[in-house]
């Protein structure tokens, strides 16, 4: 996933999201966090949460979440087909 991609949110409330930013590791995220928020300290995410995504959701607005809550639109469609969800 990269900035500009449309992806599917697998947690509630679900729906399409636009990827704004992607962080692949904790040190990169912590560095950017401390540039944006003076003395923010260490990030709350642990290693298995990465990648961390900032996305624009139609009802939640701009949010930051672990990547495991998201999948490509194509994968979401395949999953729905397998589950017989229309």
N, C-alpha and C. Protein backbone atom coordinates (compact mmCIF):
# COMPACT_ATOMS: atom_id res chain seq x y z
N UNK A 1 0.84 -1.17 0.00
CA UNK A 1 0.00 0.00 0.00
C UNK A 1 0.89 1.23 0.00
N UNK A 2 0.43 2.21 -0.75
CA UNK A 2 1.21 3.44 -0.85
C UNK A 2 0.26 4.64 -0.88
N UNK A 3 0.78 5.83 -0.58
CA UNK A 3 -0.08 7.02 -0.61
C UNK A 3 -0.79 7.14 -1.96
N UNK A 4 -2.07 7.45 -1.88
CA UNK A 4 -2.90 7.58 -3.07
C UNK A 4 -3.74 6.35 -3.38
N UNK A 5 -3.40 5.20 -2.79
CA UNK A 5 -4.16 3.97 -3.01
C UNK A 5 -5.51 4.04 -2.29
N UNK A 6 -6.53 3.45 -2.92
CA UNK A 6 -7.80 3.21 -2.25
C UNK A 6 -7.73 1.83 -1.65
N UNK A 7 -8.09 1.71 -0.37
CA UNK A 7 -8.04 0.43 0.33
C UNK A 7 -9.33 0.23 1.11
N UNK A 8 -9.52 -0.98 1.64
CA UNK A 8 -10.72 -1.32 2.41
C UNK A 8 -10.37 -1.46 3.88
N UNK A 9 -11.16 -0.81 4.74
CA UNK A 9 -10.99 -0.92 6.18
C UNK A 9 -11.73 -2.17 6.66
N UNK A 10 -11.00 -3.11 7.27
CA UNK A 10 -11.58 -4.38 7.71
C UNK A 10 -12.18 -4.32 9.11
N UNK A 11 -11.98 -3.24 9.81
CA UNK A 11 -12.59 -3.10 11.14
C UNK A 11 -13.81 -2.19 11.01
N UNK A 12 -14.62 -2.14 12.07
CA UNK A 12 -15.80 -1.28 12.05
C UNK A 12 -15.36 0.18 12.04
N UNK A 13 -15.96 1.07 11.31
CA UNK A 13 -17.17 0.86 10.55
C UNK A 13 -16.95 0.29 9.15
N UNK A 14 -15.71 0.07 8.74
CA UNK A 14 -15.44 -0.47 7.41
C UNK A 14 -15.57 0.60 6.34
N UNK A 15 -15.25 0.21 5.14
CA UNK A 15 -15.42 1.12 4.01
C UNK A 15 -14.12 1.45 3.32
N UNK A 16 -14.25 2.17 2.22
CA UNK A 16 -13.09 2.57 1.43
C UNK A 16 -12.36 3.71 2.12
N UNK A 17 -11.05 3.68 2.01
CA UNK A 17 -10.19 4.72 2.58
C UNK A 17 -9.13 5.10 1.56
N UNK A 18 -8.66 6.30 1.65
CA UNK A 18 -7.56 6.78 0.83
C UNK A 18 -6.30 6.80 1.69
N UNK A 19 -5.25 6.12 1.23
CA UNK A 19 -3.99 6.10 1.98
C UNK A 19 -3.31 7.47 1.84
N UNK A 20 -2.96 8.05 2.97
CA UNK A 20 -2.27 9.34 3.02
C UNK A 20 -0.78 9.14 3.28
N UNK A 21 -0.44 8.33 4.29
CA UNK A 21 0.96 8.07 4.65
C UNK A 21 1.12 6.62 5.08
N UNK A 22 2.34 6.10 4.89
CA UNK A 22 2.67 4.74 5.30
C UNK A 22 4.02 4.79 6.02
N UNK A 23 4.08 4.18 7.21
CA UNK A 23 5.34 4.04 7.93
C UNK A 23 5.62 2.55 8.07
N UNK A 24 6.82 2.14 7.68
CA UNK A 24 7.17 0.73 7.68
C UNK A 24 7.87 0.26 8.94
N UNK A 25 8.43 1.17 9.71
CA UNK A 25 9.10 0.73 10.94
C UNK A 25 8.92 1.74 12.06
N UNK A 26 9.14 1.27 13.27
CA UNK A 26 8.89 2.05 14.48
C UNK A 26 9.79 3.28 14.59
N UNK A 27 11.06 3.14 14.24
CA UNK A 27 11.96 4.29 14.37
C UNK A 27 11.59 5.40 13.39
N UNK A 28 11.18 5.03 12.18
CA UNK A 28 10.75 6.02 11.19
C UNK A 28 9.51 6.76 11.69
N UNK A 29 8.55 6.00 12.23
CA UNK A 29 7.32 6.61 12.72
C UNK A 29 7.61 7.53 13.92
N UNK A 30 8.42 7.05 14.86
CA UNK A 30 8.75 7.84 16.05
C UNK A 30 9.45 9.14 15.65
N UNK A 31 10.36 9.07 14.70
CA UNK A 31 11.06 10.27 14.23
C UNK A 31 10.07 11.28 13.66
N UNK A 32 9.16 10.83 12.78
CA UNK A 32 8.18 11.73 12.18
C UNK A 32 7.21 12.28 13.23
N UNK A 33 6.80 11.44 14.18
CA UNK A 33 5.91 11.87 15.25
C UNK A 33 6.55 13.01 16.05
N UNK A 34 7.83 12.86 16.40
CA UNK A 34 8.51 13.88 17.20
C UNK A 34 8.81 15.14 16.39
N UNK A 35 8.88 15.06 15.07
CA UNK A 35 9.00 16.25 14.24
C UNK A 35 7.69 17.04 14.25
N UNK A 36 6.59 16.32 14.30
CA UNK A 36 5.27 16.96 14.24
C UNK A 36 4.77 17.42 15.60
N UNK A 37 5.09 16.66 16.65
CA UNK A 37 4.64 16.98 18.01
C UNK A 37 5.87 17.03 18.89
N UNK A 38 6.26 18.22 19.31
CA UNK A 38 7.46 18.41 20.11
C UNK A 38 7.41 17.55 21.37
N UNK A 39 8.49 16.81 21.62
CA UNK A 39 8.61 15.94 22.79
C UNK A 39 7.50 14.89 22.91
N UNK A 40 7.07 14.35 21.78
CA UNK A 40 6.03 13.31 21.80
C UNK A 40 6.54 12.02 22.42
N UNK A 41 7.83 11.77 22.32
CA UNK A 41 8.40 10.55 22.90
C UNK A 41 8.24 9.37 21.97
N UNK A 42 8.23 8.17 22.57
CA UNK A 42 8.10 6.94 21.78
C UNK A 42 6.67 6.75 21.31
N UNK A 43 6.53 6.09 20.18
CA UNK A 43 5.19 5.83 19.68
C UNK A 43 4.55 4.67 20.44
N UNK A 44 3.24 4.57 20.38
CA UNK A 44 2.51 3.53 21.10
C UNK A 44 2.47 2.21 20.33
N UNK A 45 2.80 2.22 19.06
CA UNK A 45 2.73 1.02 18.24
C UNK A 45 3.90 0.08 18.53
N UNK A 46 3.63 -1.21 18.49
CA UNK A 46 4.68 -2.22 18.66
C UNK A 46 5.02 -2.81 17.30
N UNK A 47 6.09 -3.60 17.23
CA UNK A 47 6.62 -4.08 15.95
C UNK A 47 5.57 -4.78 15.08
N UNK A 48 4.71 -5.61 15.67
CA UNK A 48 3.75 -6.33 14.83
C UNK A 48 2.61 -5.46 14.30
N UNK A 49 2.51 -4.20 14.75
CA UNK A 49 1.50 -3.28 14.23
C UNK A 49 1.88 -2.70 12.86
N UNK A 50 3.14 -2.73 12.52
CA UNK A 50 3.61 -2.09 11.30
C UNK A 50 3.35 -2.95 10.08
N UNK A 51 3.07 -2.30 8.94
CA UNK A 51 3.13 -0.86 8.71
C UNK A 51 1.96 -0.13 9.38
N UNK A 52 2.22 1.12 9.70
CA UNK A 52 1.21 2.01 10.24
C UNK A 52 0.74 2.90 9.09
N UNK A 53 -0.57 3.04 8.96
CA UNK A 53 -1.15 3.82 7.87
C UNK A 53 -1.91 5.02 8.41
N UNK A 54 -1.77 6.14 7.76
CA UNK A 54 -2.68 7.26 7.97
C UNK A 54 -3.59 7.25 6.76
N UNK A 55 -4.90 7.19 7.02
CA UNK A 55 -5.87 7.10 5.93
C UNK A 55 -6.95 8.15 6.12
N UNK A 56 -7.63 8.46 5.04
CA UNK A 56 -8.80 9.34 5.08
C UNK A 56 -10.02 8.45 4.90
N UNK A 57 -10.85 8.38 5.94
CA UNK A 57 -12.05 7.54 5.95
C UNK A 57 -13.26 8.46 5.77
N UNK A 58 -14.29 8.01 5.05
CA UNK A 58 -15.43 8.90 4.79
C UNK A 58 -16.19 9.37 6.03
N UNK A 59 -16.22 8.57 7.11
CA UNK A 59 -16.93 9.03 8.31
C UNK A 59 -16.00 9.28 9.49
N UNK A 60 -14.87 8.58 9.56
CA UNK A 60 -13.94 8.76 10.68
C UNK A 60 -12.96 9.89 10.44
N UNK A 61 -12.85 10.33 9.21
CA UNK A 61 -11.91 11.40 8.89
C UNK A 61 -10.49 10.86 8.77
N UNK A 62 -9.52 11.67 9.16
CA UNK A 62 -8.11 11.31 9.07
C UNK A 62 -7.73 10.50 10.31
N UNK A 63 -7.33 9.24 10.11
CA UNK A 63 -7.00 8.37 11.23
C UNK A 63 -5.68 7.64 10.95
N UNK A 64 -5.05 7.18 12.03
CA UNK A 64 -3.82 6.41 11.94
C UNK A 64 -4.08 5.06 12.61
N UNK A 65 -3.78 3.99 11.88
CA UNK A 65 -4.10 2.63 12.31
C UNK A 65 -3.01 1.66 11.89
N UNK A 66 -2.92 0.52 12.57
CA UNK A 66 -2.04 -0.55 12.09
C UNK A 66 -2.52 -1.07 10.73
N UNK A 67 -1.57 -1.48 9.92
CA UNK A 67 -1.88 -1.95 8.57
C UNK A 67 -2.75 -3.19 8.52
N UNK A 68 -2.77 -3.99 9.62
CA UNK A 68 -3.55 -5.22 9.57
C UNK A 68 -5.06 -4.96 9.54
N UNK A 69 -5.49 -3.74 9.72
CA UNK A 69 -6.91 -3.41 9.61
C UNK A 69 -7.34 -3.13 8.17
N UNK A 70 -6.42 -3.21 7.22
CA UNK A 70 -6.71 -2.80 5.86
C UNK A 70 -6.30 -3.86 4.85
N UNK A 71 -6.97 -3.84 3.71
CA UNK A 71 -6.61 -4.71 2.59
C UNK A 71 -6.94 -3.98 1.30
N UNK A 72 -6.42 -4.50 0.21
CA UNK A 72 -6.72 -3.89 -1.08
C UNK A 72 -8.21 -4.07 -1.39
N UNK A 73 -8.72 -3.24 -2.24
CA UNK A 73 -10.12 -3.36 -2.66
C UNK A 73 -10.33 -4.71 -3.35
N UNK A 74 -9.36 -5.12 -4.17
CA UNK A 74 -9.46 -6.39 -4.87
C UNK A 74 -9.55 -7.57 -3.89
N UNK A 75 -8.73 -7.56 -2.85
CA UNK A 75 -8.78 -8.62 -1.84
C UNK A 75 -10.10 -8.60 -1.08
N UNK A 76 -10.63 -7.42 -0.81
CA UNK A 76 -11.92 -7.32 -0.11
C UNK A 76 -13.03 -7.92 -0.96
N UNK A 77 -13.00 -7.67 -2.26
CA UNK A 77 -14.00 -8.23 -3.17
C UNK A 77 -13.88 -9.76 -3.21
N UNK A 78 -12.66 -10.28 -3.30
CA UNK A 78 -12.45 -11.73 -3.30
C UNK A 78 -12.97 -12.34 -2.00
N UNK A 79 -12.68 -11.70 -0.88
CA UNK A 79 -13.14 -12.20 0.42
C UNK A 79 -14.66 -12.23 0.47
N UNK A 80 -15.31 -11.16 0.01
CA UNK A 80 -16.77 -11.09 -0.01
C UNK A 80 -17.36 -12.18 -0.89
N UNK A 81 -16.72 -12.43 -2.04
CA UNK A 81 -17.18 -13.49 -2.94
C UNK A 81 -17.09 -14.85 -2.28
N UNK A 82 -15.96 -15.12 -1.59
CA UNK A 82 -15.79 -16.41 -0.91
C UNK A 82 -16.81 -16.58 0.21
N UNK A 83 -17.18 -15.49 0.85
CA UNK A 83 -18.14 -15.55 1.96
C UNK A 83 -19.57 -15.43 1.46
N UNK A 84 -19.73 -15.28 0.13
CA UNK A 84 -21.04 -15.12 -0.50
C UNK A 84 -21.76 -13.87 0.02
N UNK A 85 -20.99 -12.79 0.20
CA UNK A 85 -21.53 -11.51 0.65
C UNK A 85 -21.75 -10.64 -0.57
N UNK A 86 -22.92 -10.16 -0.75
CA UNK A 86 -23.24 -9.31 -1.91
C UNK A 86 -23.54 -7.91 -1.47
